[in-house]
């Protein structure tokens, strides 16, 4: 029996990009371009006509901006969308806004040698379309433009032992930008230090960190090699670099390097989790969130074996239930938690740490 091909609608104002995307997608045995559109107004009619499985959507287009169209689309006719973005500061901010609105993932246009560069992305583009076709559509959200007001939770974590010794370690991939935000937003400003590995290309993580920092009560930034891990701060692995936890005397420090990819990823969640198992052990909480593949599953198991408390996102709230599923199958997670409860569950565990410390 012949398997049904993934049908794709490509929306881009560049005839060259439309042609290249068609060439790339049609070269795959399991997908086909059913139509292309030069602007969102044409695309709107083609969606009704072809009912495609996935849309690839440019950010900057005439007549209607790609983000404006995406917002309308996800409200009126939700479907899996992969954004096509320029690797610029504005492009990275637009890509992150698109993920916030409900896009599954994004692809960056090469800066030079457009044809050769885009064709070199063939496997990447095809992979993202396959993931999008099988992904659970995230709920789009309109977020506040600034940090939420402090709540009574902030005082619950204050403990001199807790602040300096405990850590929160987070790993995610597809769907992770919004999942990470949802975990971090409830955390109070005196939270333990947080290290994050999110699969994301170089050039985008700085904008992502700045976005998170504007929405959370903790400070979020790209990790810098050798910097001390401080309470109230989250450190994001820069795109294209591994992030791991190290020690310098009594202090935790960030280690950032470009060692070979692990599980085909750099940053790799396994690299971060393995380092947390070695250097933090029972002082860490490990959290694995939505994402394709198995990166982080074995690392989370090693964290649990080292005494860390470990959490995995549940299937119903994942955009892609890959990494958490693999971790759960290995017995790596103490608990499986819905995304909307994850931040609160982390805080509950931190409070239990604080009670234990006060009894010592």
C-alpha atoms as a PDB file:
ATOM      1  CA  UNK A   1       0.000   0.000   0.000  1.00  0.00           C
ATOM      2  CA  UNK A   2       1.446   3.372  -1.064  1.00  0.00           C
ATOM      3  CA  UNK A   3       1.954   5.766   1.840  1.00  0.00           C
ATOM      4  CA  UNK A   4       0.261   9.138   1.492  1.00  0.00           C
ATOM      5  CA  UNK A   5       2.769  11.912   0.836  1.00  0.00           C
ATOM      6  CA  UNK A   6       3.016  14.981   3.040  1.00  0.00           C
ATOM      7  CA  UNK A   7       1.485  17.838   1.056  1.00  0.00           C
ATOM      8  CA  UNK A   8       3.208  21.223   1.324  1.00  0.00           C
ATOM      9  CA  UNK A   9       2.275  24.778   0.404  1.00  0.00           C
ATOM     10  CA  UNK A  10       5.299  27.085  -0.038  1.00  0.00           C
ATOM     11  CA  UNK A  11       4.710  30.813   0.534  1.00  0.00           C
ATOM     12  CA  UNK A  12       7.513  33.220  -0.385  1.00  0.00           C
ATOM     13  CA  UNK A  13       7.674  36.408  -2.438  1.00  0.00           C
ATOM     14  CA  UNK A  14      10.918  35.231  -4.093  1.00  0.00           C
ATOM     15  CA  UNK A  15      10.377  33.144  -7.221  1.00  0.00           C
ATOM     16  CA  UNK A  16      13.840  31.653  -6.717  1.00  0.00           C
ATOM     17  CA  UNK A  17      13.038  30.525  -3.154  1.00  0.00           C
ATOM     18  CA  UNK A  18       9.716  29.042  -4.289  1.00  0.00           C
ATOM     19  CA  UNK A  19      11.498  27.150  -7.055  1.00  0.00           C
ATOM     20  CA  UNK A  20      14.261  25.878  -4.750  1.00  0.00           C
ATOM     21  CA  UNK A  21      11.841  24.822  -2.025  1.00  0.00           C
ATOM     22  CA  UNK A  22       9.787  22.955  -4.615  1.00  0.00           C
ATOM     23  CA  UNK A  23      12.933  21.233  -5.913  1.00  0.00           C
ATOM     24  CA  UNK A  24      14.026  20.264  -2.398  1.00  0.00           C
ATOM     25  CA  UNK A  25      10.632  19.004  -1.239  1.00  0.00           C
ATOM     26  CA  UNK A  26       9.774  17.129  -4.427  1.00  0.00           C
ATOM     27  CA  UNK A  27      13.130  15.341  -4.285  1.00  0.00           C
ATOM     28  CA  UNK A  28      11.929  13.571  -1.129  1.00  0.00           C
ATOM     29  CA  UNK A  29       9.982  10.314  -1.543  1.00  0.00           C
ATOM     30  CA  UNK A  30       7.451  11.138   1.169  1.00  0.00           C
ATOM     31  CA  UNK A  31       6.434  14.740   0.402  1.00  0.00           C
ATOM     32  CA  UNK A  32       5.241  16.909  -2.460  1.00  0.00           C
ATOM     33  CA  UNK A  33       4.587  20.616  -3.078  1.00  0.00           C
ATOM     34  CA  UNK A  34       0.916  20.988  -4.037  1.00  0.00           C
ATOM     35  CA  UNK A  35       1.082  24.752  -4.616  1.00  0.00           C
ATOM     36  CA  UNK A  36       3.215  27.874  -4.154  1.00  0.00           C
ATOM     37  CA  UNK A  37       2.169  31.430  -3.378  1.00  0.00           C
ATOM     38  CA  UNK A  38       3.952  34.760  -3.703  1.00  0.00           C
ATOM     39  CA  UNK A  39       2.036  36.431  -0.886  1.00  0.00           C
ATOM     40  CA  UNK A  40      -0.305  35.555   1.987  1.00  0.00           C
ATOM     41  CA  UNK A  41      -3.489  36.647   0.229  1.00  0.00           C
ATOM     42  CA  UNK A  42      -2.872  34.119  -2.546  1.00  0.00           C
ATOM     43  CA  UNK A  43      -1.842  31.567   0.070  1.00  0.00           C
ATOM     44  CA  UNK A  44      -5.135  32.016   1.927  1.00  0.00           C
ATOM     45  CA  UNK A  45      -7.097  30.832  -1.100  1.00  0.00           C
ATOM     46  CA  UNK A  46      -4.655  27.964  -1.796  1.00  0.00           C
ATOM     47  CA  UNK A  47      -5.033  26.672   1.770  1.00  0.00           C
ATOM     48  CA  UNK A  48      -8.782  26.362   1.186  1.00  0.00           C
ATOM     49  CA  UNK A  49      -8.224  24.727  -2.211  1.00  0.00           C
ATOM     50  CA  UNK A  50      -5.511  22.193  -1.332  1.00  0.00           C
ATOM     51  CA  UNK A  51      -5.799  21.724   2.444  1.00  0.00           C
ATOM     52  CA  UNK A  52      -2.024  21.093   2.737  1.00  0.00           C
ATOM     53  CA  UNK A  53      -0.460  19.161   5.605  1.00  0.00           C
ATOM     54  CA  UNK A  54       2.315  21.744   6.120  1.00  0.00           C
ATOM     55  CA  UNK A  55       3.010  25.325   5.074  1.00  0.00           C
ATOM     56  CA  UNK A  56       6.447  26.908   4.679  1.00  0.00           C
ATOM     57  CA  UNK A  57       6.095  30.648   5.201  1.00  0.00           C
ATOM     58  CA  UNK A  58       8.449  33.547   4.575  1.00  0.00           C
ATOM     59  CA  UNK A  59       8.599  36.293   7.201  1.00  0.00           C
ATOM     60  CA  UNK A  60       8.964  39.392   5.005  1.00  0.00           C
ATOM     61  CA  UNK A  61       6.436  39.612   2.161  1.00  0.00           C
ATOM     62  CA  UNK A  62       4.347  42.221   0.316  1.00  0.00           C
ATOM     63  CA  UNK A  63       0.672  42.991   0.992  1.00  0.00           C
ATOM     64  CA  UNK A  64       0.741  41.192   4.350  1.00  0.00           C
ATOM     65  CA  UNK A  65       3.632  40.482   6.697  1.00  0.00           C
ATOM     66  CA  UNK A  66       4.292  36.780   7.315  1.00  0.00           C
ATOM     67  CA  UNK A  67       3.772  37.169  11.069  1.00  0.00           C
ATOM     68  CA  UNK A  68       0.461  38.949  10.606  1.00  0.00           C
ATOM     69  CA  UNK A  69      -0.677  36.166   8.277  1.00  0.00           C
ATOM     70  CA  UNK A  70       0.518  33.485  10.691  1.00  0.00           C
ATOM     71  CA  UNK A  71      -1.427  35.052  13.551  1.00  0.00           C
ATOM     72  CA  UNK A  72      -4.611  35.096  11.468  1.00  0.00           C
ATOM     73  CA  UNK A  73      -3.982  31.569  10.187  1.00  0.00           C
ATOM     74  CA  UNK A  74      -3.457  30.060  13.639  1.00  0.00           C
ATOM     75  CA  UNK A  75      -6.612  31.721  14.888  1.00  0.00           C
ATOM     76  CA  UNK A  76      -8.868  30.821  11.964  1.00  0.00           C
ATOM     77  CA  UNK A  77      -7.372  27.680  10.409  1.00  0.00           C
ATOM     78  CA  UNK A  78      -4.555  26.224  12.574  1.00  0.00           C
ATOM     79  CA  UNK A  79      -2.048  24.101  10.670  1.00  0.00           C
ATOM     80  CA  UNK A  80       1.642  23.133  10.956  1.00  0.00           C
ATOM     81  CA  UNK A  81       3.891  25.953   9.725  1.00  0.00           C
ATOM     82  CA  UNK A  82       7.658  26.061   9.203  1.00  0.00           C
ATOM     83  CA  UNK A  83       8.927  29.639   8.951  1.00  0.00           C
ATOM     84  CA  UNK A  84      11.648  30.686   6.502  1.00  0.00           C
ATOM     85  CA  UNK A  85      13.661  33.492   8.100  1.00  0.00           C
ATOM     86  CA  UNK A  86      16.718  35.595   7.299  1.00  0.00           C
ATOM     87  CA  UNK A  87      19.681  35.163   9.639  1.00  0.00           C
ATOM     88  CA  UNK A  88      19.617  38.743  10.902  1.00  0.00           C
ATOM     89  CA  UNK A  89      18.744  40.302  14.249  1.00  0.00           C
ATOM     90  CA  UNK A  90      15.335  41.273  12.910  1.00  0.00           C
ATOM     91  CA  UNK A  91      14.944  37.854  11.315  1.00  0.00           C
ATOM     92  CA  UNK A  92      15.766  36.057  14.554  1.00  0.00           C
ATOM     93  CA  UNK A  93      13.281  38.157  16.521  1.00  0.00           C
ATOM     94  CA  UNK A  94      10.627  37.459  13.884  1.00  0.00           C
ATOM     95  CA  UNK A  95      11.335  33.723  13.976  1.00  0.00           C
ATOM     96  CA  UNK A  96      10.928  33.667  17.756  1.00  0.00           C
ATOM     97  CA  UNK A  97       7.696  35.641  17.516  1.00  0.00           C
ATOM     98  CA  UNK A  98       6.481  33.091  14.951  1.00  0.00           C
ATOM     99  CA  UNK A  99       7.166  30.220  17.348  1.00  0.00           C
ATOM    100  CA  UNK A 100       5.273  32.139  20.006  1.00  0.00           C
ATOM    101  CA  UNK A 101       2.314  32.446  17.617  1.00  0.00           C
ATOM    102  CA  UNK A 102       2.283  28.704  16.945  1.00  0.00           C
ATOM    103  CA  UNK A 103       4.781  27.908  14.163  1.00  0.00           C
ATOM    104  CA  UNK A 104       6.422  24.518  14.687  1.00  0.00           C
ATOM    105  CA  UNK A 105       9.956  25.488  13.628  1.00  0.00           C
ATOM    106  CA  UNK A 106      11.975  27.721  11.321  1.00  0.00           C
ATOM    107  CA  UNK A 107      14.644  27.480   8.621  1.00  0.00           C
ATOM    108  CA  UNK A 108      17.201  30.214   7.983  1.00  0.00           C
ATOM    109  CA  UNK A 109      17.970  31.472   4.488  1.00  0.00           C
ATOM    110  CA  UNK A 110      21.719  31.384   3.711  1.00  0.00           C
ATOM    111  CA  UNK A 111      23.314  34.814   3.445  1.00  0.00           C
ATOM    112  CA  UNK A 112      25.436  34.021   0.386  1.00  0.00           C
ATOM    113  CA  UNK A 113      25.079  31.584  -2.498  1.00  0.00           C
ATOM    114  CA  UNK A 114      21.315  31.278  -2.076  1.00  0.00           C
ATOM    115  CA  UNK A 115      20.808  28.344  -4.437  1.00  0.00           C
ATOM    116  CA  UNK A 116      23.780  26.288  -3.252  1.00  0.00           C
ATOM    117  CA  UNK A 117      23.191  27.226   0.368  1.00  0.00           C
ATOM    118  CA  UNK A 118      19.512  26.309   0.386  1.00  0.00           C
ATOM    119  CA  UNK A 119      20.096  23.037  -1.457  1.00  0.00           C
ATOM    120  CA  UNK A 120      22.712  22.181   1.173  1.00  0.00           C
ATOM    121  CA  UNK A 121      19.872  22.448   3.697  1.00  0.00           C
ATOM    122  CA  UNK A 122      17.850  19.765   1.893  1.00  0.00           C
ATOM    123  CA  UNK A 123      17.967  17.200   4.714  1.00  0.00           C
ATOM    124  CA  UNK A 124      17.341  19.877   7.349  1.00  0.00           C
ATOM    125  CA  UNK A 125      14.323  21.325   5.534  1.00  0.00           C
ATOM    126  CA  UNK A 126      12.857  17.905   4.797  1.00  0.00           C
ATOM    127  CA  UNK A 127      13.370  16.847   8.410  1.00  0.00           C
ATOM    128  CA  UNK A 128      11.611  19.931   9.755  1.00  0.00           C
ATOM    129  CA  UNK A 129       8.668  19.380   7.398  1.00  0.00           C
ATOM    130  CA  UNK A 130       8.349  15.758   8.546  1.00  0.00           C
ATOM    131  CA  UNK A 131       8.410  16.858  12.185  1.00  0.00           C
ATOM    132  CA  UNK A 132       5.829  19.574  11.496  1.00  0.00           C
ATOM    133  CA  UNK A 133       3.518  17.121   9.742  1.00  0.00           C
ATOM    134  CA  UNK A 134       3.478  14.840  12.797  1.00  0.00           C
ATOM    135  CA  UNK A 135       3.617  17.544  15.474  1.00  0.00           C
ATOM    136  CA  UNK A 136       0.859  18.508  17.867  1.00  0.00           C
ATOM    137  CA  UNK A 137      -0.105  22.108  17.228  1.00  0.00           C
ATOM    138  CA  UNK A 138       0.874  24.314  20.164  1.00  0.00           C
ATOM    139  CA  UNK A 139      -1.618  26.788  21.550  1.00  0.00           C
ATOM    140  CA  UNK A 140      -0.724  30.271  20.347  1.00  0.00           C
ATOM    141  CA  UNK A 141      -0.476  32.897  23.048  1.00  0.00           C
ATOM    142  CA  UNK A 142      -0.258  36.641  23.183  1.00  0.00           C
ATOM    143  CA  UNK A 143       2.326  37.318  25.861  1.00  0.00           C
ATOM    144  CA  UNK A 144       2.834  40.354  28.081  1.00  0.00           C
ATOM    145  CA  UNK A 145       5.594  42.680  26.941  1.00  0.00           C
ATOM    146  CA  UNK A 146       7.326  42.771  30.317  1.00  0.00           C
ATOM    147  CA  UNK A 147       8.026  40.705  33.406  1.00  0.00           C
ATOM    148  CA  UNK A 148       4.940  39.571  35.329  1.00  0.00           C
ATOM    149  CA  UNK A 149       4.376  41.149  38.700  1.00  0.00           C
ATOM    150  CA  UNK A 150       6.040  39.425  41.610  1.00  0.00           C
ATOM    151  CA  UNK A 151       3.840  37.109  43.657  1.00  0.00           C
ATOM    152  CA  UNK A 152       3.946  35.570  47.085  1.00  0.00           C
ATOM    153  CA  UNK A 153       5.918  32.628  45.669  1.00  0.00           C
ATOM    154  CA  UNK A 154       9.126  34.669  45.705  1.00  0.00           C
ATOM    155  CA  UNK A 155       9.583  34.494  49.452  1.00  0.00           C
ATOM    156  CA  UNK A 156       9.074  30.739  49.571  1.00  0.00           C
ATOM    157  CA  UNK A 157      12.469  29.864  48.136  1.00  0.00           C
ATOM    158  CA  UNK A 158      14.685  32.106  50.252  1.00  0.00           C
ATOM    159  CA  UNK A 159      17.346  29.972  51.883  1.00  0.00           C
ATOM    160  CA  UNK A 160      21.090  30.656  51.918  1.00  0.00           C
ATOM    161  CA  UNK A 161      21.910  26.975  51.382  1.00  0.00           C
ATOM    162  CA  UNK A 162      19.339  26.569  48.633  1.00  0.00           C
ATOM    163  CA  UNK A 163      20.459  29.584  46.624  1.00  0.00           C
ATOM    164  CA  UNK A 164      24.102  28.611  46.257  1.00  0.00           C
ATOM    165  CA  UNK A 165      23.967  24.813  45.972  1.00  0.00           C
ATOM    166  CA  UNK A 166      20.821  23.927  44.030  1.00  0.00           C
ATOM    167  CA  UNK A 167      20.503  24.089  40.241  1.00  0.00           C
ATOM    168  CA  UNK A 168      17.772  23.653  37.627  1.00  0.00           C
ATOM    169  CA  UNK A 169      18.908  21.979  34.386  1.00  0.00           C
ATOM    170  CA  UNK A 170      16.613  22.114  31.325  1.00  0.00           C
ATOM    171  CA  UNK A 171      16.824  20.507  27.882  1.00  0.00           C
ATOM    172  CA  UNK A 172      14.479  20.905  24.898  1.00  0.00           C
ATOM    173  CA  UNK A 173      14.204  20.854  21.115  1.00  0.00           C
ATOM    174  CA  UNK A 174      11.222  21.326  18.750  1.00  0.00           C
ATOM    175  CA  UNK A 175       8.538  23.308  20.566  1.00  0.00           C
ATOM    176  CA  UNK A 176      11.013  24.100  23.313  1.00  0.00           C
ATOM    177  CA  UNK A 177      11.176  27.881  23.011  1.00  0.00           C
ATOM    178  CA  UNK A 178       7.631  28.282  24.272  1.00  0.00           C
ATOM    179  CA  UNK A 179       7.911  25.353  26.687  1.00  0.00           C
ATOM    180  CA  UNK A 180      11.011  26.865  28.309  1.00  0.00           C
ATOM    181  CA  UNK A 181       9.249  30.209  28.673  1.00  0.00           C
ATOM    182  CA  UNK A 182       6.312  28.511  30.387  1.00  0.00           C
ATOM    183  CA  UNK A 183       8.629  26.764  32.848  1.00  0.00           C
ATOM    184  CA  UNK A 184      10.650  29.886  33.654  1.00  0.00           C
ATOM    185  CA  UNK A 185       7.886  32.468  33.975  1.00  0.00           C
ATOM    186  CA  UNK A 186       6.523  31.273  37.351  1.00  0.00           C
ATOM    187  CA  UNK A 187       9.982  31.109  38.928  1.00  0.00           C
ATOM    188  CA  UNK A 188      10.758  33.809  41.514  1.00  0.00           C
ATOM    189  CA  UNK A 189      13.768  36.145  41.276  1.00  0.00           C
ATOM    190  CA  UNK A 190      15.676  34.243  43.963  1.00  0.00           C
ATOM    191  CA  UNK A 191      15.518  30.931  42.093  1.00  0.00           C
ATOM    192  CA  UNK A 192      18.639  28.760  41.966  1.00  0.00           C
ATOM    193  CA  UNK A 193      20.862  29.082  38.909  1.00  0.00           C
ATOM    194  CA  UNK A 194      19.426  27.549  35.733  1.00  0.00           C
ATOM    195  CA  UNK A 195      21.264  26.055  32.739  1.00  0.00           C
ATOM    196  CA  UNK A 196      19.410  25.466  29.470  1.00  0.00           C
ATOM    197  CA  UNK A 197      20.248  23.544  26.284  1.00  0.00           C
ATOM    198  CA  UNK A 198      17.752  24.265  23.493  1.00  0.00           C
ATOM    199  CA  UNK A 199      18.441  22.976  19.979  1.00  0.00           C
ATOM    200  CA  UNK A 200      18.769  26.237  18.059  1.00  0.00           C
ATOM    201  CA  UNK A 201      21.147  27.518  15.375  1.00  0.00           C
ATOM    202  CA  UNK A 202      23.725  30.210  15.982  1.00  0.00           C
ATOM    203  CA  UNK A 203      22.447  33.757  15.634  1.00  0.00           C
ATOM    204  CA  UNK A 204      19.105  33.109  17.334  1.00  0.00           C
ATOM    205  CA  UNK A 205      19.920  32.302  20.945  1.00  0.00           C
ATOM    206  CA  UNK A 206      20.789  35.858  21.935  1.00  0.00           C
ATOM    207  CA  UNK A 207      17.372  37.122  20.826  1.00  0.00           C
ATOM    208  CA  UNK A 208      15.752  34.147  22.554  1.00  0.00           C
ATOM    209  CA  UNK A 209      17.560  34.883  25.820  1.00  0.00           C
ATOM    210  CA  UNK A 210      16.638  38.566  25.654  1.00  0.00           C
ATOM    211  CA  UNK A 211      13.014  37.665  24.999  1.00  0.00           C
ATOM    212  CA  UNK A 212      12.920  35.322  27.985  1.00  0.00           C
ATOM    213  CA  UNK A 213      14.621  37.880  30.204  1.00  0.00           C
ATOM    214  CA  UNK A 214      11.961  40.470  29.351  1.00  0.00           C
ATOM    215  CA  UNK A 215       9.162  38.068  30.284  1.00  0.00           C
ATOM    216  CA  UNK A 216      10.555  36.449  33.434  1.00  0.00           C
ATOM    217  CA  UNK A 217      11.493  37.597  36.934  1.00  0.00           C
ATOM    218  CA  UNK A 218      14.896  35.950  36.575  1.00  0.00           C
ATOM    219  CA  UNK A 219      17.664  37.271  34.325  1.00  0.00           C
ATOM    220  CA  UNK A 220      18.268  35.166  31.181  1.00  0.00           C
ATOM    221  CA  UNK A 221      21.385  35.418  28.989  1.00  0.00           C
ATOM    222  CA  UNK A 222      23.602  33.401  26.685  1.00  0.00           C
ATOM    223  CA  UNK A 223      26.171  31.457  28.663  1.00  0.00           C
ATOM    224  CA  UNK A 224      29.783  32.682  28.607  1.00  0.00           C
ATOM    225  CA  UNK A 225      32.658  30.288  29.192  1.00  0.00           C
ATOM    226  CA  UNK A 226      33.986  30.432  32.736  1.00  0.00           C
ATOM    227  CA  UNK A 227      31.248  32.618  34.214  1.00  0.00           C
ATOM    228  CA  UNK A 228      29.963  31.798  37.681  1.00  0.00           C
ATOM    229  CA  UNK A 229      26.448  30.348  37.907  1.00  0.00           C
ATOM    230  CA  UNK A 230      24.436  32.680  40.139  1.00  0.00           C
ATOM    231  CA  UNK A 231      20.986  32.459  41.741  1.00  0.00           C
ATOM    232  CA  UNK A 232      18.271  34.374  39.924  1.00  0.00           C
ATOM    233  CA  UNK A 233      19.991  33.817  36.564  1.00  0.00           C
ATOM    234  CA  UNK A 234      19.411  31.416  33.680  1.00  0.00           C
ATOM    235  CA  UNK A 235      22.185  30.595  31.203  1.00  0.00           C
ATOM    236  CA  UNK A 236      21.295  29.491  27.670  1.00  0.00           C
ATOM    237  CA  UNK A 237      23.664  27.465  25.507  1.00  0.00           C
ATOM    238  CA  UNK A 238      24.687  29.675  22.554  1.00  0.00           C
ATOM    239  CA  UNK A 239      23.634  28.269  19.188  1.00  0.00           C
ATOM    240  CA  UNK A 240      26.366  26.032  17.792  1.00  0.00           C
ATOM    241  CA  UNK A 241      28.068  25.551  21.182  1.00  0.00           C
ATOM    242  CA  UNK A 242      27.821  22.920  23.887  1.00  0.00           C
ATOM    243  CA  UNK A 243      27.027  24.110  27.404  1.00  0.00           C
ATOM    244  CA  UNK A 244      28.136  22.081  30.405  1.00  0.00           C
ATOM    245  CA  UNK A 245      28.409  22.582  34.140  1.00  0.00           C
ATOM    246  CA  UNK A 246      31.820  22.816  35.785  1.00  0.00           C
ATOM    247  CA  UNK A 247      33.323  23.611  39.181  1.00  0.00           C
ATOM    248  CA  UNK A 248      35.833  26.233  40.213  1.00  0.00           C
ATOM    249  CA  UNK A 249      36.523  25.720  43.881  1.00  0.00           C
ATOM    250  CA  UNK A 250      33.197  25.956  45.667  1.00  0.00           C
ATOM    251  CA  UNK A 251      31.466  27.643  42.738  1.00  0.00           C
ATOM    252  CA  UNK A 252      29.542  26.299  39.785  1.00  0.00           C
ATOM    253  CA  UNK A 253      30.740  27.711  36.456  1.00  0.00           C
ATOM    254  CA  UNK A 254      29.544  27.520  32.858  1.00  0.00           C
ATOM    255  CA  UNK A 255      31.687  25.717  30.297  1.00  0.00           C
ATOM    256  CA  UNK A 256      31.074  26.568  26.644  1.00  0.00           C
ATOM    257  CA  UNK A 257      32.880  24.819  23.785  1.00  0.00           C
ATOM    258  CA  UNK A 258      32.596  23.630  20.199  1.00  0.00           C
ATOM    259  CA  UNK A 259      33.437  19.973  20.709  1.00  0.00           C
ATOM    260  CA  UNK A 260      31.906  17.661  18.063  1.00  0.00           C
ATOM    261  CA  UNK A 261      28.093  17.351  18.008  1.00  0.00           C
ATOM    262  CA  UNK A 262      26.537  14.722  20.269  1.00  0.00           C
ATOM    263  CA  UNK A 263      23.389  12.972  19.014  1.00  0.00           C
ATOM    264  CA  UNK A 264      23.884  15.177  15.924  1.00  0.00           C
ATOM    265  CA  UNK A 265      23.327  18.290  18.044  1.00  0.00           C
ATOM    266  CA  UNK A 266      25.448  21.149  19.329  1.00  0.00           C
ATOM    267  CA  UNK A 267      24.298  22.216  21.855  1.00  0.00           C
ATOM    268  CA  UNK A 268      23.437  18.734  23.081  1.00  0.00           C
ATOM    269  CA  UNK A 269      21.120  18.143  26.021  1.00  0.00           C
ATOM    270  CA  UNK A 270      23.049  14.973  26.923  1.00  0.00           C
ATOM    271  CA  UNK A 271      26.265  16.989  27.281  1.00  0.00           C
ATOM    272  CA  UNK A 272      24.570  19.372  29.727  1.00  0.00           C
ATOM    273  CA  UNK A 273      22.764  16.640  31.685  1.00  0.00           C
ATOM    274  CA  UNK A 274      25.905  14.479  31.943  1.00  0.00           C
ATOM    275  CA  UNK A 275      27.857  17.394  33.406  1.00  0.00           C
ATOM    276  CA  UNK A 276      25.073  18.093  35.909  1.00  0.00           C
ATOM    277  CA  UNK A 277      25.161  14.437  36.993  1.00  0.00           C
ATOM    278  CA  UNK A 278      28.928  14.698  37.581  1.00  0.00           C
ATOM    279  CA  UNK A 279      29.085  18.054  39.341  1.00  0.00           C
ATOM    280  CA  UNK A 280      25.676  18.681  40.930  1.00  0.00           C
ATOM    281  CA  UNK A 281      24.124  15.258  41.571  1.00  0.00           C
ATOM    282  CA  UNK A 282      21.480  15.464  44.307  1.00  0.00           C
ATOM    283  CA  UNK A 283      21.612  19.266  44.198  1.00  0.00           C
ATOM    284  CA  UNK A 284      20.052  19.422  40.716  1.00  0.00           C
ATOM    285  CA  UNK A 285      16.578  19.219  39.246  1.00  0.00           C
ATOM    286  CA  UNK A 286      16.621  17.925  35.651  1.00  0.00           C
ATOM    287  CA  UNK A 287      13.790  18.784  33.241  1.00  0.00           C
ATOM    288  CA  UNK A 288      13.401  17.337  29.737  1.00  0.00           C
ATOM    289  CA  UNK A 289      10.878  19.054  27.489  1.00  0.00           C
ATOM    290  CA  UNK A 290       9.324  18.635  24.046  1.00  0.00           C
ATOM    291  CA  UNK A 291      11.577  17.640  21.144  1.00  0.00           C
ATOM    292  CA  UNK A 292      12.285  15.139  18.382  1.00  0.00           C
ATOM    293  CA  UNK A 293      14.759  12.300  18.892  1.00  0.00           C
ATOM    294  CA  UNK A 294      16.440  11.035  22.046  1.00  0.00           C
ATOM    295  CA  UNK A 295      18.993  13.700  22.955  1.00  0.00           C
ATOM    296  CA  UNK A 296      18.934  14.120  26.722  1.00  0.00           C
ATOM    297  CA  UNK A 297      17.210  10.833  27.574  1.00  0.00           C
ATOM    298  CA  UNK A 298      20.347   8.997  28.708  1.00  0.00           C
ATOM    299  CA  UNK A 299      21.716  12.138  30.340  1.00  0.00           C
ATOM    300  CA  UNK A 300      18.554  12.511  32.395  1.00  0.00           C
ATOM    301  CA  UNK A 301      18.907   8.891  33.478  1.00  0.00           C
ATOM    302  CA  UNK A 302      22.470   9.595  34.617  1.00  0.00           C
ATOM    303  CA  UNK A 303      21.217  12.618  36.536  1.00  0.00           C
ATOM    304  CA  UNK A 304      18.633  10.446  38.301  1.00  0.00           C
ATOM    305  CA  UNK A 305      21.256   7.816  39.077  1.00  0.00           C
ATOM    306  CA  UNK A 306      23.467  10.561  40.543  1.00  0.00           C
ATOM    307  CA  UNK A 307      20.674  11.618  42.909  1.00  0.00           C
ATOM    308  CA  UNK A 308      19.049  14.447  40.931  1.00  0.00           C
ATOM    309  CA  UNK A 309      15.285  14.884  40.944  1.00  0.00           C
ATOM    310  CA  UNK A 310      14.087  14.481  37.336  1.00  0.00           C
ATOM    311  CA  UNK A 311      10.967  15.555  35.443  1.00  0.00           C
ATOM    312  CA  UNK A 312       9.709  14.862  31.911  1.00  0.00           C
ATOM    313  CA  UNK A 313       6.996  16.733  30.020  1.00  0.00           C
ATOM    314  CA  UNK A 314       3.905  14.634  29.325  1.00  0.00           C
ATOM    315  CA  UNK A 315       2.788  13.594  25.849  1.00  0.00           C
ATOM    316  CA  UNK A 316      -0.405  15.642  25.737  1.00  0.00           C
ATOM    317  CA  UNK A 317       1.413  18.966  26.201  1.00  0.00           C
ATOM    318  CA  UNK A 318       4.413  18.245  23.919  1.00  0.00           C
ATOM    319  CA  UNK A 319       4.626  19.622  20.402  1.00  0.00           C
ATOM    320  CA  UNK A 320       6.799  16.567  19.658  1.00  0.00           C
ATOM    321  CA  UNK A 321       6.831  13.726  22.201  1.00  0.00           C
ATOM    322  CA  UNK A 322      10.259  12.362  21.283  1.00  0.00           C
ATOM    323  CA  UNK A 323      12.893  13.274  23.853  1.00  0.00           C
ATOM    324  CA  UNK A 324      10.549  12.978  26.871  1.00  0.00           C
ATOM    325  CA  UNK A 325       9.188   9.648  25.603  1.00  0.00           C
ATOM    326  CA  UNK A 326      12.692   8.211  25.304  1.00  0.00           C
ATOM    327  CA  UNK A 327      13.592   9.444  28.782  1.00  0.00           C
ATOM    328  CA  UNK A 328      10.422   7.971  30.291  1.00  0.00           C
ATOM    329  CA  UNK A 329      11.059   4.636  28.540  1.00  0.00           C
ATOM    330  CA  UNK A 330      14.530   4.503  30.151  1.00  0.00           C
ATOM    331  CA  UNK A 331      13.086   5.153  33.602  1.00  0.00           C
ATOM    332  CA  UNK A 332      14.956   8.462  33.722  1.00  0.00           C
ATOM    333  CA  UNK A 333      12.083  10.581  35.071  1.00  0.00           C
ATOM    334  CA  UNK A 334      10.840  10.545  38.636  1.00  0.00           C
ATOM    335  CA  UNK A 335       7.640  12.204  37.426  1.00  0.00           C
ATOM    336  CA  UNK A 336       5.845  12.963  34.145  1.00  0.00           C
ATOM    337  CA  UNK A 337       4.253  16.413  34.311  1.00  0.00           C
ATOM    338  CA  UNK A 338       2.012  18.528  32.016  1.00  0.00           C
ATOM    339  CA  UNK A 339       3.776  21.645  30.774  1.00  0.00           C
ATOM    340  CA  UNK A 340       1.404  24.070  32.493  1.00  0.00           C
ATOM    341  CA  UNK A 341       2.282  22.450  35.850  1.00  0.00           C
ATOM    342  CA  UNK A 342       6.034  22.110  35.300  1.00  0.00           C
ATOM    343  CA  UNK A 343       7.156  25.447  36.758  1.00  0.00           C
ATOM    344  CA  UNK A 344       5.027  24.929  39.852  1.00  0.00           C
ATOM    345  CA  UNK A 345       6.320  21.366  40.254  1.00  0.00           C
ATOM    346  CA  UNK A 346       9.907  22.631  40.100  1.00  0.00           C
ATOM    347  CA  UNK A 347       9.137  25.196  42.794  1.00  0.00           C
ATOM    348  CA  UNK A 348       7.481  22.569  44.984  1.00  0.00           C
ATOM    349  CA  UNK A 349      10.587  20.403  44.758  1.00  0.00           C
ATOM    350  CA  UNK A 350      12.817  23.391  45.541  1.00  0.00           C
ATOM    351  CA  UNK A 351      10.776  24.117  48.649  1.00  0.00           C
ATOM    352  CA  UNK A 352      11.247  20.501  49.749  1.00  0.00           C
ATOM    353  CA  UNK A 353      15.004  20.980  49.260  1.00  0.00           C
ATOM    354  CA  UNK A 354      14.808  24.056  51.452  1.00  0.00           C
ATOM    355  CA  UNK A 355      12.989  22.165  54.215  1.00  0.00           C
ATOM    356  CA  UNK A 356      15.609  19.416  54.096  1.00  0.00           C
ATOM    357  CA  UNK A 357      18.409  21.986  54.314  1.00  0.00           C
ATOM    358  CA  UNK A 358      16.786  23.687  57.293  1.00  0.00           C
ATOM    359  CA  UNK A 359      16.596  20.356  59.117  1.00  0.00           C
ATOM    360  CA  UNK A 360      20.324  19.727  58.720  1.00  0.00           C
END
